Amino acid sequence: MSIGDITLEELMGEDYQVLLKKSPTFGFDLYIEGDDIDEAIESKGVHPYAIESLANFCRSFLASYSRLEPSL
């Protein structure tokens, strides 16, 4: 499974652990693991701009969720 194969539905339906490391050669190495270790996703050398875009998306989601959470 690659990073391009995972869907938003899958992210919402399973508990994933994320590990991000600075790559020794370029960018970042991203690891995503679910309950099934065979479906671990590894993406090495991710461009810093792509990681920043993902971080912005996550921050935006968390800000929106924080505003709604008390009413759930």
N, C-alpha and C. Protein backbone atom coordinates (compact mmCIF):
# COMPACT_ATOMS: atom_id res chain seq x y z
N MET A 1 0.85 -1.17 0.00
CA MET A 1 0.00 0.00 0.00
C MET A 1 0.90 1.24 0.00
N SER A 2 0.54 2.21 -0.79
CA SER A 2 1.32 3.45 -0.84
C SER A 2 0.47 4.60 -0.29
N ILE A 3 1.09 5.72 -0.08
CA ILE A 3 0.41 6.89 0.46
C ILE A 3 -0.76 7.32 -0.45
N GLY A 4 -0.64 7.08 -1.74
CA GLY A 4 -1.70 7.43 -2.67
C GLY A 4 -2.88 6.49 -2.64
N ASP A 5 -2.73 5.35 -1.98
CA ASP A 5 -3.80 4.36 -1.93
C ASP A 5 -4.76 4.55 -0.77
N ILE A 6 -4.35 5.27 0.26
CA ILE A 6 -5.19 5.41 1.44
C ILE A 6 -6.25 6.47 1.21
N THR A 7 -7.45 6.19 1.68
CA THR A 7 -8.56 7.12 1.48
C THR A 7 -8.91 7.81 2.80
N LEU A 8 -9.62 8.90 2.70
CA LEU A 8 -10.09 9.61 3.88
C LEU A 8 -11.00 8.70 4.70
N GLU A 9 -11.80 7.91 4.03
CA GLU A 9 -12.69 6.97 4.71
C GLU A 9 -11.88 5.97 5.54
N GLU A 10 -10.79 5.49 4.99
CA GLU A 10 -9.93 4.56 5.74
C GLU A 10 -9.29 5.25 6.94
N LEU A 11 -8.87 6.50 6.76
CA LEU A 11 -8.27 7.24 7.87
C LEU A 11 -9.27 7.43 9.01
N MET A 12 -10.53 7.63 8.68
CA MET A 12 -11.54 7.85 9.71
C MET A 12 -11.99 6.54 10.36
N GLY A 13 -11.81 5.43 9.67
CA GLY A 13 -12.36 4.16 10.15
C GLY A 13 -11.39 3.29 10.91
N GLU A 14 -10.15 3.68 11.01
CA GLU A 14 -9.16 2.83 11.67
C GLU A 14 -8.19 3.71 12.45
N ASP A 15 -7.64 3.14 13.49
CA ASP A 15 -6.63 3.87 14.27
C ASP A 15 -5.26 3.69 13.62
N TYR A 16 -4.65 4.80 13.26
CA TYR A 16 -3.32 4.78 12.65
C TYR A 16 -2.33 5.50 13.55
N GLN A 17 -1.12 5.05 13.52
CA GLN A 17 -0.01 5.71 14.18
C GLN A 17 0.84 6.35 13.10
N VAL A 18 1.27 7.58 13.32
CA VAL A 18 2.05 8.30 12.32
C VAL A 18 3.40 8.66 12.91
N LEU A 19 4.43 8.43 12.13
CA LEU A 19 5.78 8.82 12.52
C LEU A 19 6.39 9.60 11.37
N LEU A 20 6.91 10.77 11.67
CA LEU A 20 7.54 11.62 10.67
C LEU A 20 8.97 11.88 11.11
N LYS A 21 9.89 11.64 10.21
CA LYS A 21 11.31 11.87 10.50
C LYS A 21 11.92 12.73 9.40
N LYS A 22 12.88 13.53 9.77
CA LYS A 22 13.64 14.31 8.79
C LYS A 22 14.53 13.33 8.04
N SER A 23 14.46 13.35 6.73
CA SER A 23 15.26 12.44 5.91
C SER A 23 16.72 12.90 5.90
N PRO A 24 17.65 11.97 5.97
CA PRO A 24 19.06 12.37 5.92
C PRO A 24 19.48 12.87 4.54
N THR A 25 18.69 12.55 3.51
CA THR A 25 19.05 12.96 2.16
C THR A 25 18.20 14.12 1.63
N PHE A 26 16.87 14.04 1.83
CA PHE A 26 15.99 15.10 1.33
C PHE A 26 14.62 14.98 1.98
N GLY A 27 14.08 16.09 2.39
CA GLY A 27 12.70 16.14 2.85
C GLY A 27 12.44 15.35 4.12
N PHE A 28 11.33 14.61 4.09
CA PHE A 28 10.87 13.87 5.26
C PHE A 28 10.51 12.45 4.88
N ASP A 29 10.65 11.55 5.85
CA ASP A 29 10.19 10.18 5.70
C ASP A 29 8.94 10.03 6.56
N LEU A 30 7.86 9.54 5.94
CA LEU A 30 6.57 9.42 6.60
C LEU A 30 6.21 7.94 6.70
N TYR A 31 5.84 7.52 7.91
CA TYR A 31 5.42 6.15 8.16
C TYR A 31 4.04 6.17 8.79
N ILE A 32 3.13 5.38 8.25
CA ILE A 32 1.78 5.27 8.78
C ILE A 32 1.50 3.79 8.99
N GLU A 33 1.16 3.43 10.23
CA GLU A 33 0.88 2.04 10.55
C GLU A 33 -0.50 1.91 11.15
N GLY A 34 -1.22 0.90 10.71
CA GLY A 34 -2.52 0.58 11.28
C GLY A 34 -2.39 -0.68 12.13
N ASP A 35 -3.53 -1.28 12.44
CA ASP A 35 -3.52 -2.51 13.22
C ASP A 35 -2.84 -3.65 12.47
N ASP A 36 -2.97 -3.67 11.17
CA ASP A 36 -2.37 -4.71 10.34
C ASP A 36 -1.01 -4.21 9.85
N ILE A 37 0.05 -4.75 10.42
CA ILE A 37 1.40 -4.29 10.10
C ILE A 37 1.73 -4.51 8.62
N ASP A 38 1.05 -5.45 7.96
CA ASP A 38 1.29 -5.69 6.54
C ASP A 38 0.80 -4.53 5.68
N GLU A 39 -0.05 -3.70 6.22
CA GLU A 39 -0.58 -2.57 5.47
C GLU A 39 0.11 -1.26 5.84
N ALA A 40 1.29 -1.35 6.42
CA ALA A 40 2.03 -0.14 6.77
C ALA A 40 2.38 0.63 5.51
N ILE A 41 2.35 1.94 5.62
CA ILE A 41 2.66 2.82 4.50
C ILE A 41 3.96 3.54 4.82
N GLU A 42 4.84 3.53 3.86
CA GLU A 42 6.12 4.20 4.02
C GLU A 42 6.35 5.09 2.79
N SER A 43 6.62 6.34 3.04
CA SER A 43 6.90 7.26 1.95
C SER A 43 8.16 8.04 2.31
N LYS A 44 9.21 7.79 1.57
CA LYS A 44 10.50 8.41 1.88
C LYS A 44 10.76 9.59 0.95
N GLY A 45 11.47 10.59 1.49
CA GLY A 45 11.86 11.74 0.69
C GLY A 45 10.70 12.62 0.27
N VAL A 46 9.70 12.76 1.14
CA VAL A 46 8.54 13.60 0.82
C VAL A 46 8.99 15.07 0.84
N HIS A 47 8.62 15.80 -0.19
CA HIS A 47 9.01 17.20 -0.32
C HIS A 47 8.54 18.01 0.89
N PRO A 48 9.36 18.89 1.41
CA PRO A 48 8.97 19.72 2.55
C PRO A 48 7.68 20.51 2.33
N TYR A 49 7.43 20.97 1.13
CA TYR A 49 6.19 21.71 0.84
C TYR A 49 4.97 20.80 0.98
N ALA A 50 5.11 19.54 0.58
CA ALA A 50 4.01 18.59 0.70
C ALA A 50 3.72 18.30 2.17
N ILE A 51 4.76 18.17 2.97
CA ILE A 51 4.58 17.93 4.41
C ILE A 51 3.92 19.15 5.05
N GLU A 52 4.32 20.34 4.65
CA GLU A 52 3.72 21.56 5.19
C GLU A 52 2.24 21.64 4.81
N SER A 53 1.90 21.25 3.59
CA SER A 53 0.49 21.25 3.18
C SER A 53 -0.32 20.26 4.01
N LEU A 54 0.24 19.09 4.27
CA LEU A 54 -0.44 18.10 5.11
C LEU A 54 -0.61 18.64 6.53
N ALA A 55 0.41 19.27 7.06
CA ALA A 55 0.33 19.84 8.41
C ALA A 55 -0.74 20.93 8.47
N ASN A 56 -0.82 21.77 7.45
CA ASN A 56 -1.85 22.82 7.40
C ASN A 56 -3.24 22.22 7.36
N PHE A 57 -3.41 21.16 6.58
CA PHE A 57 -4.69 20.46 6.50
C PHE A 57 -5.08 19.92 7.87
N CYS A 58 -4.13 19.28 8.54
CA CYS A 58 -4.41 18.71 9.86
C CYS A 58 -4.75 19.79 10.88
N ARG A 59 -4.02 20.89 10.87
CA ARG A 59 -4.32 22.00 11.79
C ARG A 59 -5.71 22.57 11.53
N SER A 60 -6.06 22.72 10.27
CA SER A 60 -7.37 23.25 9.91
C SER A 60 -8.48 22.30 10.37
N PHE A 61 -8.29 21.02 10.17
CA PHE A 61 -9.26 20.03 10.62
C PHE A 61 -9.41 20.09 12.14
N LEU A 62 -8.30 20.11 12.86
CA LEU A 62 -8.35 20.13 14.33
C LEU A 62 -9.01 21.40 14.86
N ALA A 63 -8.77 22.53 14.23
CA ALA A 63 -9.41 23.78 14.65
C ALA A 63 -10.92 23.69 14.45
N SER A 64 -11.35 23.17 13.32
CA SER A 64 -12.79 23.02 13.05
C SER A 64 -13.41 22.03 14.02
N TYR A 65 -12.74 20.93 14.24
CA TYR A 65 -13.25 19.89 15.14
C TYR A 65 -13.36 20.42 16.58
N SER A 66 -12.38 21.19 17.01
CA SER A 66 -12.38 21.75 18.36
C SER A 66 -13.58 22.65 18.59
N ARG A 67 -13.98 23.39 17.57
CA ARG A 67 -15.14 24.27 17.70
C ARG A 67 -16.45 23.48 17.79
N LEU A 68 -16.49 22.30 17.17
CA LEU A 68 -17.72 21.50 17.14
C LEU A 68 -17.80 20.47 18.25
N GLU A 69 -16.67 20.02 18.74
CA GLU A 69 -16.62 18.91 19.67
C GLU A 69 -17.56 19.05 20.88
N PRO A 70 -17.64 20.20 21.54
CA PRO A 70 -18.52 20.29 22.71
C PRO A 70 -19.99 20.00 22.40
N SER A 71 -20.42 20.19 21.18
CA SER A 71 -21.83 19.97 20.85
C SER A 71 -22.12 18.53 20.41
N LEU A 72 -21.11 17.68 20.35
CA LEU A 72 -21.34 16.30 19.92
C LEU A 72 -21.97 15.48 21.00
